[in-house]
Amino acid sequence: MKTLEGIVSFSTEQLEETTSKTTVAGLMQTTRATIQKYDKLAMKYLNEYCDEYPIIDHKHLTVLPLTKYQCWVLQKLLVESLKYTYKGVEAKLIASDGYKDKFSFKMFSTKDTKVSFSF
């Protein structure tokens, strides 16, 4: 499956400081719509992810490119959805702050840039 390979092989090391959603989608071999869908999921449940976007007139400016941290979060969410489905990941984000911690900036900054995948 090409998308699985793209998502799993994706690394933030190959990115500039900020990267467009279209470019990230291409590198992950998925669609921009998928990236936008998971961006909205992250915006809804992950405060640190939201904080990466500047705020203008009390709203996050989500039309701007993604930071390396945001790209890492999106990759992790996509990998998790391969195991649990989108709705399953959303349910886990709602139910558990411990699960949210997997996507924290602290985890990103202390990570190996490769996201592992296993069932």
Protein backbone atom coordinates (compact mmCIF):
# COMPACT_ATOMS: atom_id res chain seq x y z
CA MET A 1 0.00 0.00 0.00
CA LYS A 2 1.65 3.18 -1.22
CA THR A 3 0.01 5.49 1.35
CA LEU A 4 1.14 3.33 4.27
CA GLU A 5 4.71 3.36 2.98
CA GLY A 6 4.59 7.14 2.52
CA ILE A 7 3.22 7.81 5.98
CA VAL A 8 5.60 5.45 7.76
CA SER A 9 8.71 6.51 5.82
CA PHE A 10 7.99 10.24 6.29
CA SER A 11 10.54 12.08 8.42
CA THR A 12 10.52 15.65 9.67
CA GLU A 13 14.28 15.76 9.04
CA GLN A 14 13.56 16.28 5.34
CA LEU A 15 11.51 19.44 6.00
CA GLU A 16 12.17 23.16 6.14
CA GLU A 17 11.12 24.96 9.32
CA THR A 18 7.62 25.31 7.85
CA THR A 19 6.05 23.24 5.07
CA SER A 20 2.79 23.59 3.17
CA LYS A 21 0.02 21.07 3.70
CA THR A 22 0.19 20.21 0.00
CA THR A 23 3.91 19.38 0.25
CA VAL A 24 3.37 17.31 3.40
CA ALA A 25 0.56 15.41 1.68
CA GLY A 26 2.86 14.64 -1.25
CA LEU A 27 5.68 13.46 0.99
CA MET A 28 3.29 11.22 2.94
CA GLN A 29 1.72 10.00 -0.31
CA THR A 30 -1.75 11.01 0.82
CA THR A 31 -4.13 13.80 -0.14
CA ARG A 32 -4.23 17.41 1.00
CA ALA A 33 -7.82 16.74 2.14
CA THR A 34 -6.53 14.00 4.46
CA ILE A 35 -3.91 16.35 5.90
CA GLN A 36 -6.59 19.00 6.43
CA LYS A 37 -8.90 16.47 8.11
CA TYR A 38 -6.21 15.45 10.60
CA ASP A 39 -5.15 19.08 11.06
CA LYS A 40 -8.71 19.80 12.20
CA LEU A 41 -8.62 16.79 14.53
CA ALA A 42 -5.36 17.99 16.07
CA MET A 43 -6.70 21.54 16.36
CA LYS A 44 -9.74 20.28 18.24
CA TYR A 45 -7.94 18.14 20.83
CA LEU A 46 -4.24 19.06 21.03
CA ASN A 47 -3.54 22.48 22.53
CA GLU A 48 0.19 22.45 21.80
CA TYR A 49 -0.58 21.76 18.14
CA CYS A 50 -2.94 24.77 18.07
CA ASP A 51 -0.35 26.95 19.73
CA GLU A 52 1.98 26.49 16.76
CA TYR A 53 -0.38 28.62 14.65
CA PRO A 54 -0.31 32.39 15.16
CA ILE A 55 -3.50 33.99 16.46
CA ILE A 56 -5.07 36.88 14.56
CA ASP A 57 -8.34 38.43 15.75
CA HIS A 58 -8.72 35.66 18.36
CA LYS A 59 -8.50 32.90 15.72
CA HIS A 60 -5.69 30.51 14.83
CA LEU A 61 -4.39 31.29 11.35
CA THR A 62 -4.49 27.74 9.97
CA VAL A 63 -3.85 28.73 6.35
CA LEU A 64 -0.15 29.08 7.16
CA PRO A 65 2.35 26.26 6.55
CA LEU A 66 2.90 23.58 9.17
CA THR A 67 5.83 23.49 11.58
CA LYS A 68 7.97 20.37 11.94
CA TYR A 69 6.18 19.60 15.20
CA GLN A 70 2.77 19.83 13.51
CA CYS A 71 3.94 17.55 10.68
CA TRP A 72 5.16 15.03 13.25
CA VAL A 73 1.78 15.13 15.03
CA LEU A 74 -0.08 14.61 11.77
CA GLN A 75 2.11 11.64 10.90
CA LYS A 76 1.51 10.11 14.34
CA LEU A 77 -2.24 10.66 14.04
CA LEU A 78 -2.27 9.03 10.60
CA VAL A 79 -0.29 6.03 11.84
CA GLU A 80 -2.62 5.71 14.83
CA SER A 81 -5.64 5.84 12.52
CA LEU A 82 -4.24 2.91 10.55
CA LYS A 83 -4.51 0.90 13.77
CA TYR A 84 -7.67 2.37 15.31
CA THR A 85 -9.51 4.27 12.50
CA TYR A 86 -10.10 8.02 12.53
CA LYS A 87 -13.08 7.72 14.90
CA GLY A 88 -11.10 5.43 17.19
CA VAL A 89 -8.27 7.94 17.43
CA GLU A 90 -10.75 10.74 18.09
CA ALA A 91 -12.39 8.68 20.85
CA LYS A 92 -9.00 8.03 22.45
CA LEU A 93 -8.14 11.76 22.29
CA ILE A 94 -11.43 12.58 24.02
CA ALA A 95 -11.11 9.89 26.68
CA SER A 96 -7.50 10.09 27.77
CA ASP A 97 -5.07 12.89 28.54
CA GLY A 98 -2.40 10.18 28.69
CA TYR A 99 -3.10 9.37 25.06
CA LYS A 100 -2.80 13.06 24.18
CA ASP A 101 0.64 13.06 25.79
CA LYS A 102 1.87 10.85 22.91
CA PHE A 103 1.49 13.94 20.71
CA SER A 104 3.08 16.48 23.07
CA PHE A 105 5.85 18.85 22.10
CA LYS A 106 7.96 17.19 24.80
CA MET A 107 7.63 13.83 23.01
CA PHE A 108 8.51 15.52 19.71
CA SER A 109 11.59 17.23 21.10
CA THR A 110 12.92 14.03 22.72
CA LYS A 111 12.01 11.71 19.86
CA ASP A 112 13.74 9.75 17.21
CA THR A 113 12.22 11.42 14.14
CA LYS A 114 10.93 8.11 12.79
CA VAL A 115 7.40 7.15 13.80
CA SER A 116 7.11 3.42 14.33
CA PHE A 117 4.22 1.34 13.08
CA SER A 118 3.10 -2.03 14.36
CA PHE A 119 -0.19 -3.79 15.01
